[in-house]
Protein backbone atom coordinates (compact mmCIF):
# COMPACT_ATOMS: atom_id res chain seq x y z
CA MET A 1 2.35 -35.73 -23.71
CA ARG A 2 5.39 -33.59 -23.29
CA THR A 3 8.21 -33.07 -20.85
CA VAL A 4 9.53 -29.65 -19.89
CA GLY A 5 12.97 -29.56 -18.32
CA ALA A 6 13.19 -31.80 -15.28
CA VAL A 7 9.46 -31.65 -14.70
CA LEU A 8 7.60 -34.95 -14.57
CA ILE A 9 4.38 -35.09 -16.53
CA ALA A 10 1.73 -37.81 -16.56
CA THR A 11 -1.29 -38.62 -18.66
CA VAL A 12 -4.65 -39.85 -17.55
CA LEU A 13 -5.78 -42.92 -19.42
CA GLY A 14 -9.33 -44.18 -19.35
CA ALA A 15 -12.78 -44.38 -20.85
CA GLY A 16 -14.92 -41.39 -21.69
CA ILE A 17 -14.26 -38.07 -23.37
CA ALA A 18 -12.34 -36.33 -20.61
CA THR A 19 -8.63 -36.86 -20.25
CA ALA A 20 -6.28 -35.42 -17.68
CA PHE A 21 -2.63 -34.69 -17.12
CA TRP A 22 -0.83 -35.13 -13.82
CA HIS A 23 2.25 -33.04 -13.15
CA TRP A 24 4.87 -34.02 -10.57
CA SER A 25 7.53 -31.60 -9.41
CA ASP A 26 11.06 -32.71 -8.59
CA THR A 27 9.90 -33.31 -5.00
CA GLY A 28 7.32 -35.81 -6.20
CA LYS A 29 4.35 -33.70 -5.06
CA PRO A 30 1.46 -34.26 -7.50
CA SER A 31 -0.21 -31.29 -9.14
CA PRO A 32 -2.58 -32.64 -11.79
CA ARG A 33 -4.00 -30.95 -14.83
CA ALA A 34 -7.30 -32.08 -16.27
CA SER A 35 -8.64 -31.42 -19.72
CA LEU A 36 -11.73 -31.88 -21.83
CA GLY A 37 -11.04 -32.34 -25.52
CA ASN A 38 -7.90 -30.37 -26.34
CA GLU A 39 -8.16 -27.76 -23.55
CA GLU A 40 -5.95 -28.52 -20.58
CA GLN A 41 -6.84 -27.29 -17.10
CA PRO A 42 -4.63 -27.63 -14.05
CA CYS A 43 -6.30 -29.50 -11.19
CA ILE A 44 -5.88 -30.51 -7.60
CA ALA A 45 -6.03 -34.15 -6.59
CA PRO A 46 -9.14 -35.72 -5.06
CA THR A 47 -8.74 -36.33 -1.36
CA SER A 48 -9.20 -40.04 -1.96
CA LEU A 49 -6.02 -40.35 -4.03
CA PRO A 50 -4.04 -43.24 -2.55
CA HIS A 51 -0.37 -42.64 -1.78
CA THR A 52 0.44 -46.16 -0.65
CA SER A 53 2.89 -48.69 -1.95
CA SER A 54 1.86 -50.77 -4.94
CA ALA A 55 -0.40 -53.79 -4.62
CA PRO A 56 1.34 -57.17 -4.14
CA ASP A 57 2.79 -58.85 -7.19
CA VAL A 58 0.42 -61.12 -9.06
CA THR A 59 0.99 -64.84 -9.41
CA ARG A 60 3.35 -66.26 -11.97
CA ALA A 61 0.41 -67.75 -13.87
CA ILE A 62 -0.11 -64.52 -15.80
CA SER A 63 3.54 -64.10 -16.80
CA PRO A 64 3.38 -66.10 -20.06
CA GLY A 65 0.66 -63.76 -21.33
CA VAL A 66 2.59 -60.57 -20.59
CA HIS A 67 6.05 -59.77 -21.88
CA VAL A 68 7.60 -56.33 -21.47
CA HIS A 69 10.71 -55.52 -23.49
CA GLY A 70 12.03 -52.01 -23.23
CA ASP A 71 9.18 -49.56 -23.84
CA LYS A 72 7.16 -52.22 -25.70
CA ALA A 73 4.78 -54.93 -24.53
CA ASP A 74 3.42 -58.19 -25.94
CA LEU A 75 0.06 -59.28 -24.54
CA SER A 76 -1.78 -62.53 -25.10
CA LEU A 77 -4.69 -62.55 -22.66
CA THR A 78 -7.93 -64.53 -22.56
CA SER A 79 -10.55 -63.61 -19.95
CA VAL A 80 -7.91 -62.25 -17.60
CA SER A 81 -8.43 -59.55 -14.98
CA ALA A 82 -7.27 -56.24 -16.46
CA LEU A 83 -5.81 -55.26 -13.09
CA THR A 84 -3.83 -58.49 -12.88
CA ALA A 85 -2.33 -57.88 -16.32
CA ILE A 86 -1.53 -54.26 -15.44
CA GLN A 87 0.19 -55.31 -12.24
CA GLU A 88 2.28 -57.82 -14.16
CA ILE A 89 3.32 -55.12 -16.61
CA GLY A 90 4.29 -52.97 -13.63
CA ARG A 91 6.30 -55.81 -12.11
CA GLN A 92 8.22 -56.45 -15.31
CA ALA A 93 8.71 -52.79 -16.20
CA GLY A 94 9.63 -51.79 -12.64
CA PHE A 95 6.91 -49.30 -11.68
CA ASP A 96 4.29 -49.26 -8.93
CA VAL A 97 0.63 -49.91 -9.68
CA VAL A 98 -1.75 -48.44 -7.08
CA PRO A 99 -5.40 -49.51 -7.49
CA ALA A 100 -8.23 -47.94 -5.54
CA ALA A 101 -9.65 -50.19 -2.82
CA ASP A 102 -13.10 -50.46 -4.41
CA LEU A 103 -11.89 -51.11 -7.95
CA PRO A 104 -14.34 -53.35 -9.88
CA VAL A 105 -13.02 -56.40 -11.73
CA GLN A 106 -12.72 -56.02 -15.52
CA GLN A 107 -12.04 -59.09 -17.65
CA VAL A 108 -10.08 -58.60 -20.88
CA THR A 109 -9.26 -60.72 -23.90
CA LEU A 110 -6.45 -59.16 -25.84
CA SER A 111 -3.64 -60.09 -28.20
CA ILE A 112 -1.09 -57.47 -29.27
CA LYS A 113 2.61 -57.55 -30.11
CA ASP A 114 5.27 -54.83 -29.88
CA ALA A 115 2.75 -52.30 -28.60
CA ALA A 116 4.07 -49.14 -26.98
CA LEU A 117 3.86 -49.57 -23.23
CA LEU A 118 1.56 -46.57 -22.84
CA ASP A 119 -0.73 -47.89 -25.59
CA ALA A 120 -0.95 -51.25 -23.83
CA LEU A 121 -1.77 -49.55 -20.54
CA GLN A 122 -4.40 -47.41 -22.23
CA LEU A 123 -6.12 -50.50 -23.61
CA LEU A 124 -6.05 -52.27 -20.26
CA THR A 125 -7.32 -49.24 -18.32
CA SER A 126 -10.06 -48.29 -20.79
CA GLY A 127 -12.72 -49.22 -18.22
CA TYR A 128 -11.16 -47.14 -15.46
CA ASP A 129 -9.91 -43.65 -14.70
CA SER A 130 -6.14 -43.96 -14.54
CA PHE A 131 -3.16 -41.70 -13.95
CA VAL A 132 0.26 -42.70 -15.21
CA ARG A 133 3.35 -40.87 -14.02
CA LEU A 134 6.24 -40.43 -16.43
CA ALA A 135 9.85 -39.74 -15.58
CA ALA A 136 11.71 -37.01 -17.44
CA ASP A 137 13.05 -39.59 -19.91
CA GLY A 138 9.53 -40.78 -20.74
CA ARG A 139 9.59 -44.01 -18.75
CA VAL A 140 6.51 -44.99 -16.79
CA ASN A 141 7.28 -44.96 -13.06
CA GLY A 142 3.85 -45.03 -11.45
CA LEU A 143 0.21 -45.84 -12.21
CA TRP A 144 -2.90 -45.04 -10.15
CA ILE A 145 -6.21 -46.68 -11.06
CA PHE A 146 -9.70 -45.53 -10.01
CA SER A 147 -13.25 -46.62 -10.76
CA ALA A 148 -14.57 -44.90 -13.87
CA GLY A 149 -16.00 -41.46 -13.15
CA THR A 150 -14.52 -41.03 -9.68
CA THR A 151 -11.89 -38.53 -10.83
CA ASP A 152 -14.66 -36.01 -11.50
CA LEU A 153 -13.69 -34.72 -8.05
CA LEU A 154 -10.74 -32.92 -9.62
CA GLU A 155 -11.08 -29.15 -9.48
CA PRO A 156 -9.34 -26.44 -11.57
CA LEU A 157 -6.15 -24.92 -10.21
CA PRO A 158 -4.24 -22.17 -12.06
CA PRO A 159 -0.78 -23.18 -13.26
CA SER A 160 0.65 -20.26 -11.32
CA GLU A 161 -0.20 -22.26 -8.18
CA TRP A 162 1.90 -25.31 -9.02
CA VAL A 163 4.44 -24.54 -11.75
CA SER A 164 7.84 -23.42 -10.51
CA SER A 165 8.89 -19.81 -11.02
CA ALA A 166 11.81 -20.95 -13.15
CA GLU A 167 9.52 -22.87 -15.50
CA LEU A 168 7.02 -20.03 -15.70
CA ALA A 169 9.77 -17.51 -16.40
CA SER A 170 11.23 -19.59 -19.23
CA HIS A 171 7.92 -20.22 -20.99
CA TRP A 172 5.52 -17.35 -20.22
CA SER A 173 6.32 -15.39 -23.41
CA GLN A 174 5.58 -18.49 -25.53
CA LEU A 175 2.04 -18.94 -24.21
CA PRO A 176 -0.54 -18.85 -27.00
CA THR A 177 -2.98 -16.23 -25.69
CA LEU A 178 -2.68 -12.74 -24.30
CA ALA A 179 -4.81 -13.69 -21.29
CA GLN A 180 -2.42 -16.52 -20.38
CA LYS A 181 0.65 -14.33 -20.81
CA SER A 182 -0.87 -11.58 -18.69
CA HIS A 183 -1.92 -13.93 -15.91
CA VAL A 184 1.43 -15.71 -15.71
CA LEU A 185 3.39 -12.46 -15.90
CA ASP A 186 1.43 -11.02 -12.99
CA SER A 187 1.94 -14.24 -11.01
CA LEU A 188 5.68 -14.05 -11.58
CA VAL A 189 5.83 -10.43 -10.46
CA GLU A 190 3.86 -11.31 -7.34
CA ARG A 191 6.31 -14.14 -6.60
CA LEU A 192 9.59 -12.54 -7.59
CA GLY A 193 9.11 -8.84 -6.94
CA GLU A 194 12.10 -6.81 -8.13
CA ASN A 195 13.64 -9.99 -9.59
CA ALA A 196 10.92 -9.91 -12.26
CA THR A 197 12.12 -6.54 -13.59
CA GLY A 198 13.73 -8.06 -16.68
CA MET A 199 10.53 -9.84 -17.66
CA LEU A 200 8.51 -6.68 -17.11
CA MET A 201 10.82 -4.67 -19.33
CA ASP A 202 10.59 -7.35 -22.02
CA ALA A 203 6.81 -7.15 -21.83
CA LEU A 204 6.98 -3.36 -21.95
CA SER A 205 8.74 -3.67 -25.31
CA ASP A 206 6.13 -6.07 -26.70
CA GLU A 207 4.24 -5.02 -29.82
CA ASN A 208 0.93 -5.71 -28.09
CA ALA A 209 -0.24 -2.65 -26.15
CA SER A 210 -2.35 -4.78 -23.81
CA LEU A 211 0.69 -6.75 -22.69
CA ARG A 212 2.65 -3.53 -22.20
CA LEU A 213 -0.22 -2.28 -20.06
CA GLN A 214 -0.22 -5.52 -18.04
CA ALA A 215 3.48 -5.11 -17.32
CA LEU A 216 2.87 -1.65 -15.93
CA ASP A 217 -0.18 -2.76 -13.95
CA SER A 218 1.82 -5.58 -12.36
CA ALA A 219 4.70 -3.27 -11.51
CA VAL A 220 2.42 -0.70 -9.87
CA ASN A 221 0.21 -3.22 -8.05
CA HIS A 222 3.17 -5.16 -6.63
CA GLY A 223 5.39 -2.14 -5.95
CA VAL A 224 8.15 -3.05 -8.40
CA ARG A 225 10.39 -0.16 -9.48
CA LEU A 226 11.08 -0.34 -13.19
CA PRO A 227 14.25 1.44 -14.40
CA PHE A 228 13.52 5.10 -13.93
CA ASP A 229 15.39 6.40 -16.97
CA ARG A 230 13.82 3.84 -19.33
CA LEU A 231 10.33 4.62 -18.06
CA SER A 232 10.98 8.34 -18.60
CA GLU A 233 12.05 7.66 -22.18
CA ARG A 234 9.05 5.38 -22.74
CA LEU A 235 6.68 8.10 -21.58
CA VAL A 236 7.80 10.19 -24.56
CA THR A 237 7.95 7.43 -27.18
CA GLU A 238 4.90 5.29 -26.26
CA LEU A 239 2.14 5.59 -28.87
CA ASP A 240 -0.74 4.13 -26.86
CA THR A 241 -2.55 6.64 -24.66
CA THR A 242 -3.64 4.14 -22.01
CA VAL A 243 -0.11 2.82 -21.69
CA ARG A 244 1.26 6.36 -21.29
CA LEU A 245 -1.23 6.95 -18.49
CA ARG A 246 0.00 3.87 -16.68
CA ILE A 247 3.65 4.80 -17.23
CA LEU A 248 2.94 7.89 -15.15
CA ASP A 249 1.77 5.65 -12.30
CA ALA A 250 4.77 3.35 -12.68
CA LEU A 251 7.05 6.35 -12.46
CA PHE A 252 5.25 7.86 -9.53
CA TYR A 253 3.99 5.29 -7.02
CA PRO A 254 6.67 2.58 -6.68
CA TRP A 255 9.50 5.10 -6.80
CA ARG A 256 7.83 7.49 -4.37
CA GLN A 257 7.30 4.65 -1.92
CA GLN A 258 11.04 4.04 -2.05
CA GLY A 259 11.76 7.64 -1.14
CA VAL A 260 13.03 9.00 -4.45
CA ALA A 261 13.52 12.78 -4.35
CA PRO A 262 10.34 14.76 -5.22
CA ALA A 263 12.36 16.92 -7.59
CA THR A 264 13.38 13.82 -9.56
CA LEU A 265 9.76 12.70 -9.87
CA GLU A 266 8.63 16.17 -10.88
CA LEU A 267 11.26 16.31 -13.62
CA ALA A 268 10.15 12.91 -14.96
CA LEU A 269 6.46 13.87 -15.02
CA GLN A 270 6.91 17.30 -16.62
CA PRO A 271 6.95 16.06 -20.28
CA ALA A 272 3.47 14.60 -19.81
CA LEU A 273 2.07 18.08 -19.18
CA SER A 274 2.49 18.76 -22.89
CA ASP A 275 1.21 15.32 -24.03
CA PRO A 276 -1.13 15.46 -27.06
CA ASP A 277 -3.82 13.60 -25.08
CA THR A 278 -5.93 15.51 -22.55
CA ALA A 279 -6.27 12.54 -20.17
CA VAL A 280 -2.49 12.13 -19.96
CA ARG A 281 -1.98 15.84 -19.31
CA GLU A 282 -4.63 15.87 -16.61
CA HIS A 283 -3.27 12.78 -14.89
CA ALA A 284 0.25 14.20 -14.89
CA ALA A 285 -1.10 17.38 -13.31
CA GLU A 286 -2.92 15.35 -10.63
CA LEU A 287 0.23 13.46 -9.73
CA LEU A 288 2.30 16.63 -9.56
CA ALA A 289 -0.32 18.22 -7.34
CA GLU A 290 -0.21 15.19 -5.05
CA LEU A 291 3.57 15.42 -5.02
CA THR A 292 3.63 19.06 -3.96
CA SER A 293 0.79 18.74 -1.44
CA ARG A 294 2.81 16.57 0.93
């Protein structure tokens, strides 16, 4: 588990191989992420997810078997309902426990001392599918419990659909794969428009030609004008042929849509007419012809 900025992150506890992560924004709106093994996938919640207040407090009879101190728990349970013990932990630790209406009874016999609260909850929910919500400081502040297997209703949802623009912008360049970087960068450009110019220029300076190409694709597809002078310089210094081809488009289409003078565009495209690559020369000629035909 990890916490990024003020974002609230939660972990699914339960039996079986699959685990899941629930993400809450500052507004409290849930946007879960599910994973199998070590691969996380964002998800949407099943429609049956309860958003009610917690179940009533359990009787005092269970209290001697459950003692929460800080982020630790002592449990001494013999043939006790797992849900009853979980609810008592929630009562003592100050968080809501929300069980599904059709939750089956699970009896547990357990004796542990000074266990981390999350470890204790994981043991008690091992027969269920459970979602625990963590505050930014790591404290548990909510737990949802479902019958085992019912959370298979979760469906994949790209992180670009639920992560804030600020969080995406601060972390996109640290993503582990080119595909992830490219997808998130394009999502940011779609969201932010001209305000994503700085990120696009950073990507255009990346050592990976594919990421440079993605930056140009995003700029052209979303009509973002990259700095004209820097694009003109890049057209001359860029080593990758495919990237040079796309620089021509980034110079031409967004800027033409904004009404830049045809003479300015023609001057910027002229160096490409003497490019060492035939495809670049031909594309520059096509754009110039389009420029002069209107």
